[in-house]
C-alpha atoms as a PDB file:
ATOM      1  CA  MET A   1       6.680  -7.459 -22.126  1.00  0.00           C
ATOM      2  CA  ALA A   2       3.052  -7.690 -20.302  1.00  0.00           C
ATOM      3  CA  VAL A   3       2.892  -6.138 -17.239  1.00  0.00           C
ATOM      4  CA  GLN A   4      -0.560  -6.417 -15.423  1.00  0.00           C
ATOM      5  CA  MET A   5      -1.532  -4.014 -13.168  1.00  0.00           C
ATOM      6  CA  ARG A   6      -4.565  -3.718 -10.708  1.00  0.00           C
ATOM      7  CA  GLU A   7      -5.794  -1.977  -7.519  1.00  0.00           C
ATOM      8  CA  ILE A   8      -6.198  -4.394  -4.466  1.00  0.00           C
ATOM      9  CA  ASP A   9      -8.067  -3.090  -1.449  1.00  0.00           C
ATOM     10  CA  TYR A  10      -7.331  -4.755   1.829  1.00  0.00           C
ATOM     11  CA  HIS A  11      -7.930  -3.541   5.567  1.00  0.00           C
ATOM     12  CA  HIS A  12      -5.920  -3.046   8.602  1.00  0.00           C
ATOM     13  CA  ALA A  13      -8.469  -3.199  11.699  1.00  0.00           C
ATOM     14  CA  ASP A  14     -11.323  -0.585  10.469  1.00  0.00           C
ATOM     15  CA  THR A  15      -9.371   1.184   8.256  1.00  0.00           C
ATOM     16  CA  LEU A  16     -10.177   0.411   4.161  1.00  0.00           C
ATOM     17  CA  LEU A  17      -6.529   0.600   2.076  1.00  0.00           C
ATOM     18  CA  SER A  18      -5.984   0.324  -1.670  1.00  0.00           C
ATOM     19  CA  GLY A  19      -2.841  -1.064  -2.903  1.00  0.00           C
ATOM     20  CA  TYR A  20      -1.635  -0.925  -6.728  1.00  0.00           C
ATOM     21  CA  PHE A  21      -0.243  -4.191  -7.808  1.00  0.00           C
ATOM     22  CA  ALA A  22       2.026  -4.646 -11.013  1.00  0.00           C
ATOM     23  CA  CYS A  23       3.241  -8.227 -12.314  1.00  0.00           C
ATOM     24  CA  ASP A  24       4.673  -9.370 -15.784  1.00  0.00           C
ATOM     25  CA  ASP A  25       2.811 -12.426 -16.485  1.00  0.00           C
ATOM     26  CA  GLU A  26       5.868 -13.085 -19.010  1.00  0.00           C
ATOM     27  CA  PHE A  27       7.552 -14.258 -15.900  1.00  0.00           C
ATOM     28  CA  PRO A  28       6.762 -18.030 -14.715  1.00  0.00           C
ATOM     29  CA  LEU A  29       4.800 -17.545 -11.401  1.00  0.00           C
ATOM     30  CA  PRO A  30       4.985 -17.198  -8.402  1.00  0.00           C
ATOM     31  CA  ARG A  31       7.597 -14.305  -8.548  1.00  0.00           C
ATOM     32  CA  PRO A  32       9.465 -12.768  -5.791  1.00  0.00           C
ATOM     33  CA  GLY A  33       7.193 -10.104  -3.881  1.00  0.00           C
ATOM     34  CA  ILE A  34       8.536  -6.877  -3.265  1.00  0.00           C
ATOM     35  CA  LEU A  35       6.371  -3.949  -0.909  1.00  0.00           C
ATOM     36  CA  VAL A  36       6.780  -0.446  -1.771  1.00  0.00           C
ATOM     37  CA  SER A  37       6.386   2.079   0.589  1.00  0.00           C
ATOM     38  CA  HIS A  38       5.139   5.733  -0.372  1.00  0.00           C
ATOM     39  CA  ALA A  39       6.275   8.925   1.468  1.00  0.00           C
ATOM     40  CA  TRP A  40       4.828  11.084   3.514  1.00  0.00           C
ATOM     41  CA  GLY A  41       2.002  12.371   0.892  1.00  0.00           C
ATOM     42  CA  GLY A  42       0.787   8.676   0.398  1.00  0.00           C
ATOM     43  CA  ARG A  43       0.614   6.143  -2.321  1.00  0.00           C
ATOM     44  CA  ASP A  44       1.082   8.355  -5.361  1.00  0.00           C
ATOM     45  CA  ALA A  45       1.868   7.875  -9.111  1.00  0.00           C
ATOM     46  CA  PHE A  46       5.618   8.476  -8.005  1.00  0.00           C
ATOM     47  CA  VAL A  47       5.428   4.608  -6.182  1.00  0.00           C
ATOM     48  CA  CYS A  48       2.947   3.312  -8.605  1.00  0.00           C
ATOM     49  CA  ASP A  49       5.715   3.852 -11.244  1.00  0.00           C
ATOM     50  CA  LYS A  50       8.052   2.356  -9.091  1.00  0.00           C
ATOM     51  CA  ALA A  51       6.314  -0.866  -8.565  1.00  0.00           C
ATOM     52  CA  ARG A  52       5.620  -1.097 -12.586  1.00  0.00           C
ATOM     53  CA  ARG A  53       9.573  -0.794 -13.135  1.00  0.00           C
ATOM     54  CA  LEU A  54      10.102  -3.169 -10.568  1.00  0.00           C
ATOM     55  CA  ALA A  55       7.369  -5.930 -12.652  1.00  0.00           C
ATOM     56  CA  GLU A  56       9.627  -5.144 -15.597  1.00  0.00           C
ATOM     57  CA  LEU A  57      12.270  -6.417 -13.659  1.00  0.00           C
ATOM     58  CA  GLY A  58      10.475  -9.474 -12.988  1.00  0.00           C
ATOM     59  CA  TYR A  59       9.479  -8.794  -9.208  1.00  0.00           C
ATOM     60  CA  ALA A  60       5.565  -8.780  -8.372  1.00  0.00           C
ATOM     61  CA  ALA A  61       5.363  -5.485  -6.951  1.00  0.00           C
ATOM     62  CA  PHE A  62       2.777  -3.847  -4.477  1.00  0.00           C
ATOM     63  CA  ALA A  63       2.680  -0.109  -3.583  1.00  0.00           C
ATOM     64  CA  LEU A  64       0.598  -0.170  -0.186  1.00  0.00           C
ATOM     65  CA  ASP A  65      -0.987   2.467   1.421  1.00  0.00           C
ATOM     66  CA  MET A  66      -0.497   3.899   5.030  1.00  0.00           C
ATOM     67  CA  TYR A  67      -3.379   6.462   4.882  1.00  0.00           C
ATOM     68  CA  GLY A  68      -6.538   4.901   3.405  1.00  0.00           C
ATOM     69  CA  LYS A  69      -7.918   4.604  -0.227  1.00  0.00           C
ATOM     70  CA  GLY A  70      -8.358   7.334  -2.233  1.00  0.00           C
ATOM     71  CA  ILE A  71      -6.049   9.395   0.794  1.00  0.00           C
ATOM     72  CA  VAL A  72      -3.692  11.601  -0.774  1.00  0.00           C
ATOM     73  CA  GLY A  73      -1.984  14.933   0.648  1.00  0.00           C
ATOM     74  CA  SER A  74      -2.382  17.783  -0.895  1.00  0.00           C
ATOM     75  CA  GLY A  75       0.952  19.527  -0.074  1.00  0.00           C
ATOM     76  CA  PRO A  76       3.539  19.691   2.815  1.00  0.00           C
ATOM     77  CA  GLU A  77       0.947  20.771   5.522  1.00  0.00           C
ATOM     78  CA  GLN A  78      -1.420  17.984   4.894  1.00  0.00           C
ATOM     79  CA  ASN A  79       1.085  15.357   4.211  1.00  0.00           C
ATOM     80  CA  ALA A  80       2.377  16.015   7.487  1.00  0.00           C
ATOM     81  CA  GLN A  81      -0.696  15.856   9.228  1.00  0.00           C
ATOM     82  CA  LEU A  82      -1.339  12.305   7.465  1.00  0.00           C
ATOM     83  CA  MET A  83       2.457  11.349   8.610  1.00  0.00           C
ATOM     84  CA  ALA A  84       1.790  12.381  12.312  1.00  0.00           C
ATOM     85  CA  PRO A  85       0.187   9.592  13.908  1.00  0.00           C
ATOM     86  CA  PHE A  86       2.179   7.146  12.682  1.00  0.00           C
ATOM     87  CA  MET A  87       5.610   8.718  13.671  1.00  0.00           C
ATOM     88  CA  ALA A  88       3.782   9.339  17.226  1.00  0.00           C
ATOM     89  CA  ASP A  89       2.467   5.927  17.213  1.00  0.00           C
ATOM     90  CA  ARG A  90       5.084   3.505  15.876  1.00  0.00           C
ATOM     91  CA  GLY A  91       3.152   0.541  16.772  1.00  0.00           C
ATOM     92  CA  LEU A  92       0.500   1.529  14.595  1.00  0.00           C
ATOM     93  CA  LEU A  93       2.846   2.218  11.982  1.00  0.00           C
ATOM     94  CA  GLN A  94       4.472  -1.107  12.293  1.00  0.00           C
ATOM     95  CA  SER A  95       0.867  -3.147  12.558  1.00  0.00           C
ATOM     96  CA  ARG A  96      -0.510  -1.491   9.649  1.00  0.00           C
ATOM     97  CA  MET A  97       3.118  -2.205   7.319  1.00  0.00           C
ATOM     98  CA  SER A  98       2.372  -5.890   8.240  1.00  0.00           C
ATOM     99  CA  ALA A  99      -1.131  -6.204   7.214  1.00  0.00           C
ATOM    100  CA  ALA A 100       0.526  -4.963   4.046  1.00  0.00           C
ATOM    101  CA  LEU A 101       2.831  -7.628   4.012  1.00  0.00           C
ATOM    102  CA  ASP A 102       0.404 -10.135   5.123  1.00  0.00           C
ATOM    103  CA  THR A 103      -1.635  -9.185   2.019  1.00  0.00           C
ATOM    104  CA  VAL A 104       1.127  -9.710  -0.350  1.00  0.00           C
ATOM    105  CA  ARG A 105       2.229 -12.642   0.782  1.00  0.00           C
ATOM    106  CA  SER A 106      -1.143 -14.284   0.398  1.00  0.00           C
ATOM    107  CA  LEU A 107      -1.508 -12.971  -3.453  1.00  0.00           C
ATOM    108  CA  PRO A 108      -1.179 -16.023  -5.970  1.00  0.00           C
ATOM    109  CA  GLU A 109       1.490 -14.277  -7.973  1.00  0.00           C
ATOM    110  CA  VAL A 110       4.191 -13.988  -5.104  1.00  0.00           C
ATOM    111  CA  ASP A 111       6.454 -16.338  -3.634  1.00  0.00           C
ATOM    112  CA  PRO A 112       5.414 -16.121  -0.015  1.00  0.00           C
ATOM    113  CA  GLY A 113       8.892 -17.230   1.058  1.00  0.00           C
ATOM    114  CA  ARG A 114      10.656 -14.723  -1.137  1.00  0.00           C
ATOM    115  CA  ILE A 115       9.797 -10.913   0.123  1.00  0.00           C
ATOM    116  CA  ALA A 116      11.514  -7.770   0.061  1.00  0.00           C
ATOM    117  CA  ALA A 117      10.319  -4.440   1.047  1.00  0.00           C
ATOM    118  CA  MET A 118      11.337  -0.884  -0.282  1.00  0.00           C
ATOM    119  CA  GLY A 119      10.354   3.021   0.598  1.00  0.00           C
ATOM    120  CA  PHE A 120      10.870   6.332   0.003  1.00  0.00           C
ATOM    121  CA  CYS A 121      10.797   9.229   2.805  1.00  0.00           C
ATOM    122  CA  PHE A 122       8.854   8.154   5.261  1.00  0.00           C
ATOM    123  CA  GLY A 123       8.520   4.929   3.434  1.00  0.00           C
ATOM    124  CA  GLY A 124      11.867   4.347   3.984  1.00  0.00           C
ATOM    125  CA  LEU A 125      11.074   4.860   7.532  1.00  0.00           C
ATOM    126  CA  CYS A 126       8.345   2.653   7.178  1.00  0.00           C
ATOM    127  CA  VAL A 127      10.614  -0.538   5.764  1.00  0.00           C
ATOM    128  CA  LEU A 128      13.086  -0.413   8.281  1.00  0.00           C
ATOM    129  CA  ASP A 129      10.333  -0.210  11.301  1.00  0.00           C
ATOM    130  CA  LEU A 130       9.168  -3.319  10.007  1.00  0.00           C
ATOM    131  CA  ALA A 131      12.606  -4.898   9.743  1.00  0.00           C
ATOM    132  CA  ARG A 132      12.831  -3.956  13.173  1.00  0.00           C
ATOM    133  CA  THR A 133      10.121  -6.023  14.180  1.00  0.00           C
ATOM    134  CA  GLY A 134      11.859  -9.125  13.193  1.00  0.00           C
ATOM    135  CA  ALA A 135       9.378  -9.651  10.127  1.00  0.00           C
ATOM    136  CA  ASP A 136      10.389 -12.661   7.587  1.00  0.00           C
ATOM    137  CA  LEU A 137      11.704 -10.520   5.214  1.00  0.00           C
ATOM    138  CA  ARG A 138      14.314 -11.749   2.997  1.00  0.00           C
ATOM    139  CA  GLY A 139      15.602  -7.818   2.702  1.00  0.00           C
ATOM    140  CA  VAL A 140      14.199  -3.871   2.959  1.00  0.00           C
ATOM    141  CA  VAL A 141      15.599  -1.049   0.905  1.00  0.00           C
ATOM    142  CA  SER A 142      15.337   2.480   2.179  1.00  0.00           C
ATOM    143  CA  PHE A 143      15.949   5.501  -0.056  1.00  0.00           C
ATOM    144  CA  HIS A 144      16.454   8.555   1.923  1.00  0.00           C
ATOM    145  CA  GLY A 145      14.231   7.616   4.840  1.00  0.00           C
ATOM    146  CA  LEU A 146      14.060   8.689   8.172  1.00  0.00           C
ATOM    147  CA  PHE A 147      16.185   7.000  10.977  1.00  0.00           C
ATOM    148  CA  ILE A 148      14.202   7.978  13.975  1.00  0.00           C
ATOM    149  CA  PRO A 149      14.436   4.823  16.379  1.00  0.00           C
ATOM    150  CA  PRO A 150      10.974   3.586  17.471  1.00  0.00           C
ATOM    151  CA  GLY A 151      11.448   3.009  20.763  1.00  0.00           C
ATOM    152  CA  ASN A 152       9.471  -0.602  20.906  1.00  0.00           C
ATOM    153  CA  THR A 153      11.935  -2.976  19.403  1.00  0.00           C
ATOM    154  CA  ALA A 154      14.930  -2.870  21.584  1.00  0.00           C
ATOM    155  CA  GLY A 155      16.107  -6.324  22.160  1.00  0.00           C
ATOM    156  CA  ARG A 156      14.640  -7.653  18.470  1.00  0.00           C
ATOM    157  CA  LYS A 157      16.870  -9.531  16.000  1.00  0.00           C
ATOM    158  CA  ILE A 158      16.073  -8.236  12.537  1.00  0.00           C
ATOM    159  CA  ARG A 159      16.393 -10.935   9.906  1.00  0.00           C
ATOM    160  CA  ALA A 160      16.158  -8.671   7.117  1.00  0.00           C
ATOM    161  CA  LYS A 161      19.225  -7.816   5.188  1.00  0.00           C
ATOM    162  CA  VAL A 162      19.246  -4.080   4.847  1.00  0.00           C
ATOM    163  CA  LEU A 163      20.301  -1.610   2.540  1.00  0.00           C
ATOM    164  CA  VAL A 164      20.160   2.505   3.147  1.00  0.00           C
ATOM    165  CA  LEU A 165      20.497   4.879   0.484  1.00  0.00           C
ATOM    166  CA  HIS A 166      20.869   8.071   1.466  1.00  0.00           C
ATOM    167  CA  GLY A 167      22.396  11.798   0.563  1.00  0.00           C
ATOM    168  CA  TYR A 168      25.294  12.807   2.437  1.00  0.00           C
ATOM    169  CA  GLU A 169      23.894  16.307   3.149  1.00  0.00           C
ATOM    170  CA  ASP A 170      20.335  15.355   3.888  1.00  0.00           C
ATOM    171  CA  PRO A 171      19.005  17.230   6.567  1.00  0.00           C
ATOM    172  CA  MET A 172      16.265  15.429   7.668  1.00  0.00           C
ATOM    173  CA  ALA A 173      18.549  12.521   8.605  1.00  0.00           C
ATOM    174  CA  PRO A 174      22.288  14.198   9.292  1.00  0.00           C
ATOM    175  CA  PRO A 175      25.335  11.704   8.755  1.00  0.00           C
ATOM    176  CA  GLU A 176      25.597  11.138  12.815  1.00  0.00           C
ATOM    177  CA  GLN A 177      22.050   9.447  12.296  1.00  0.00           C
ATOM    178  CA  ALA A 178      22.953   7.027  10.042  1.00  0.00           C
ATOM    179  CA  LEU A 179      26.046   6.438  12.328  1.00  0.00           C
ATOM    180  CA  ALA A 180      24.105   5.680  14.952  1.00  0.00           C
ATOM    181  CA  LEU A 181      21.675   3.603  12.746  1.00  0.00           C
ATOM    182  CA  GLY A 182      24.604   1.078  11.543  1.00  0.00           C
ATOM    183  CA  ARG A 183      24.901   0.464  15.525  1.00  0.00           C
ATOM    184  CA  GLU A 184      21.485  -0.028  15.973  1.00  0.00           C
ATOM    185  CA  LEU A 185      21.483  -2.607  12.978  1.00  0.00           C
ATOM    186  CA  THR A 186      24.856  -4.266  14.539  1.00  0.00           C
ATOM    187  CA  GLU A 187      23.061  -4.714  17.854  1.00  0.00           C
ATOM    188  CA  ALA A 188      19.954  -6.317  16.334  1.00  0.00           C
ATOM    189  CA  GLY A 189      22.217  -8.888  14.647  1.00  0.00           C
ATOM    190  CA  ALA A 190      21.376  -7.367  11.013  1.00  0.00           C
ATOM    191  CA  ASP A 191      23.201  -7.906   7.588  1.00  0.00           C
ATOM    192  CA  TRP A 192      23.349  -4.313   6.790  1.00  0.00           C
ATOM    193  CA  GLN A 193      25.318  -1.835   4.197  1.00  0.00           C
ATOM    194  CA  ILE A 194      24.420   1.956   4.538  1.00  0.00           C
ATOM    195  CA  HIS A 195      25.311   4.092   0.900  1.00  0.00           C
ATOM    196  CA  MET A 196      26.012   7.495   1.151  1.00  0.00           C
ATOM    197  CA  TYR A 197      25.939   9.743  -2.193  1.00  0.00           C
ATOM    198  CA  GLY A 198      28.067  13.206  -1.596  1.00  0.00           C
ATOM    199  CA  HIS A 199      26.900  16.731  -2.500  1.00  0.00           C
ATOM    200  CA  THR A 200      22.989  15.121  -1.976  1.00  0.00           C
ATOM    201  CA  LEU A 201      20.029  16.117  -0.227  1.00  0.00           C
ATOM    202  CA  HIS A 202      16.857  14.592   0.711  1.00  0.00           C
ATOM    203  CA  ALA A 203      14.248  13.028  -2.072  1.00  0.00           C
ATOM    204  CA  PHE A 204      17.108  12.340  -4.450  1.00  0.00           C
ATOM    205  CA  SER A 205      15.132   9.923  -6.210  1.00  0.00           C
ATOM    206  CA  ASN A 206      12.198  11.988  -6.940  1.00  0.00           C
ATOM    207  CA  PRO A 207      12.256  13.943 -10.513  1.00  0.00           C
ATOM    208  CA  LEU A 208       9.608  16.636  -8.889  1.00  0.00           C
ATOM    209  CA  ALA A 209      12.058  17.781  -5.689  1.00  0.00           C
ATOM    210  CA  ASN A 210      13.279  20.996  -6.223  1.00  0.00           C
ATOM    211  CA  ASP A 211      13.117  22.848  -3.001  1.00  0.00           C
ATOM    212  CA  ARG A 212      16.408  23.524  -1.822  1.00  0.00           C
ATOM    213  CA  SER A 213      15.440  25.880   1.169  1.00  0.00           C
ATOM    214  CA  PHE A 214      13.870  22.734   2.423  1.00  0.00           C
ATOM    215  CA  GLY A 215      16.209  20.024   1.764  1.00  0.00           C
ATOM    216  CA  THR A 216      14.736  18.345  -1.225  1.00  0.00           C
ATOM    217  CA  VAL A 217      16.525  18.308  -4.695  1.00  0.00           C
ATOM    218  CA  TYR A 218      16.527  15.431  -7.126  1.00  0.00           C
ATOM    219  CA  ASP A 219      19.741  14.342  -8.136  1.00  0.00           C
ATOM    220  CA  PRO A 220      19.734  12.085 -11.582  1.00  0.00           C
ATOM    221  CA  THR A 221      23.335  10.492 -10.860  1.00  0.00           C
ATOM    222  CA  ALA A 222      22.476   9.574  -6.688  1.00  0.00           C
ATOM    223  CA  ASP A 223      18.849   8.348  -8.439  1.00  0.00           C
ATOM    224  CA  ARG A 224      20.725   5.987 -11.178  1.00  0.00           C
ATOM    225  CA  ARG A 225      23.437   4.712  -8.906  1.00  0.00           C
ATOM    226  CA  SER A 226      20.620   3.855  -5.489  1.00  0.00           C
ATOM    227  CA  TRP A 227      18.449   2.082  -8.523  1.00  0.00           C
ATOM    228  CA  GLN A 228      21.550   0.260  -9.612  1.00  0.00           C
ATOM    229  CA  ALA A 229      22.208  -0.759  -6.188  1.00  0.00           C
ATOM    230  CA  MET A 230      18.924  -1.686  -5.155  1.00  0.00           C
ATOM    231  CA  GLN A 231      18.755  -3.925  -8.359  1.00  0.00           C
ATOM    232  CA  ASN A 232      22.367  -5.845  -7.052  1.00  0.00           C
ATOM    233  CA  PHE A 233      20.908  -6.388  -3.673  1.00  0.00           C
ATOM    234  CA  LEU A 234      17.079  -7.553  -4.538  1.00  0.00           C
ATOM    235  CA  ALA A 235      19.527 -10.013  -7.007  1.00  0.00           C
ATOM    236  CA  GLU A 236      21.079 -11.145  -4.087  1.00  0.00           C
ATOM    237  CA  VAL A 237      18.464 -11.599  -1.431  1.00  0.00           C
ATOM    238  CA  LEU A 238      15.699 -12.538  -3.416  1.00  0.00           C
ATOM    239  CA  ASN A 239      17.014 -15.445  -5.661  1.00  0.00           C
END
């Protein structure tokens, strides 16, 4: 394996952003592209590691940036402040996600006709919102994401296939919200799956999650199962 990695600066309006790109040059190019959307803390080591792991699987992976070059939260309070403008203005969120999609589609290593997106926590909401806009994607994967509908995509058809990987006991998106998401995806004509992991809380794929009172606990079994489900899904939608 020879995974090549580099940072790629790009813009959304007046905001300078910086993505992390990983691609294994031993695979023939161009490769299917995958956007990786970070949690509420910003583009951190966690999503960069996911990009490298995806590159090892033969994909061209781009860990996008929602907040601005070099901006990463220092803890829950600052993370919440960074995320808040995008939760308040979902049109802004969707536009910034579209800028990342345009950037990865333009990369020479990427097959522009074979692109998917995946995200974690806040990033799961981001990729679902990108799908809700009707973006030209093969698929999106939400890991322990948020399901709050944006309120500005009613009546739009979802072109991407959707895979949601979620803890049944996630306090930030309880089962009734998952049911509502299923109804929403059905009404939008999406090809969708929701996998619920029992006895599993929020942030189950992050080994650093260990705050049960906050509802964030790593679960190695759900982590392993969800990563395998993602691989099966990507093989289906991108090949």
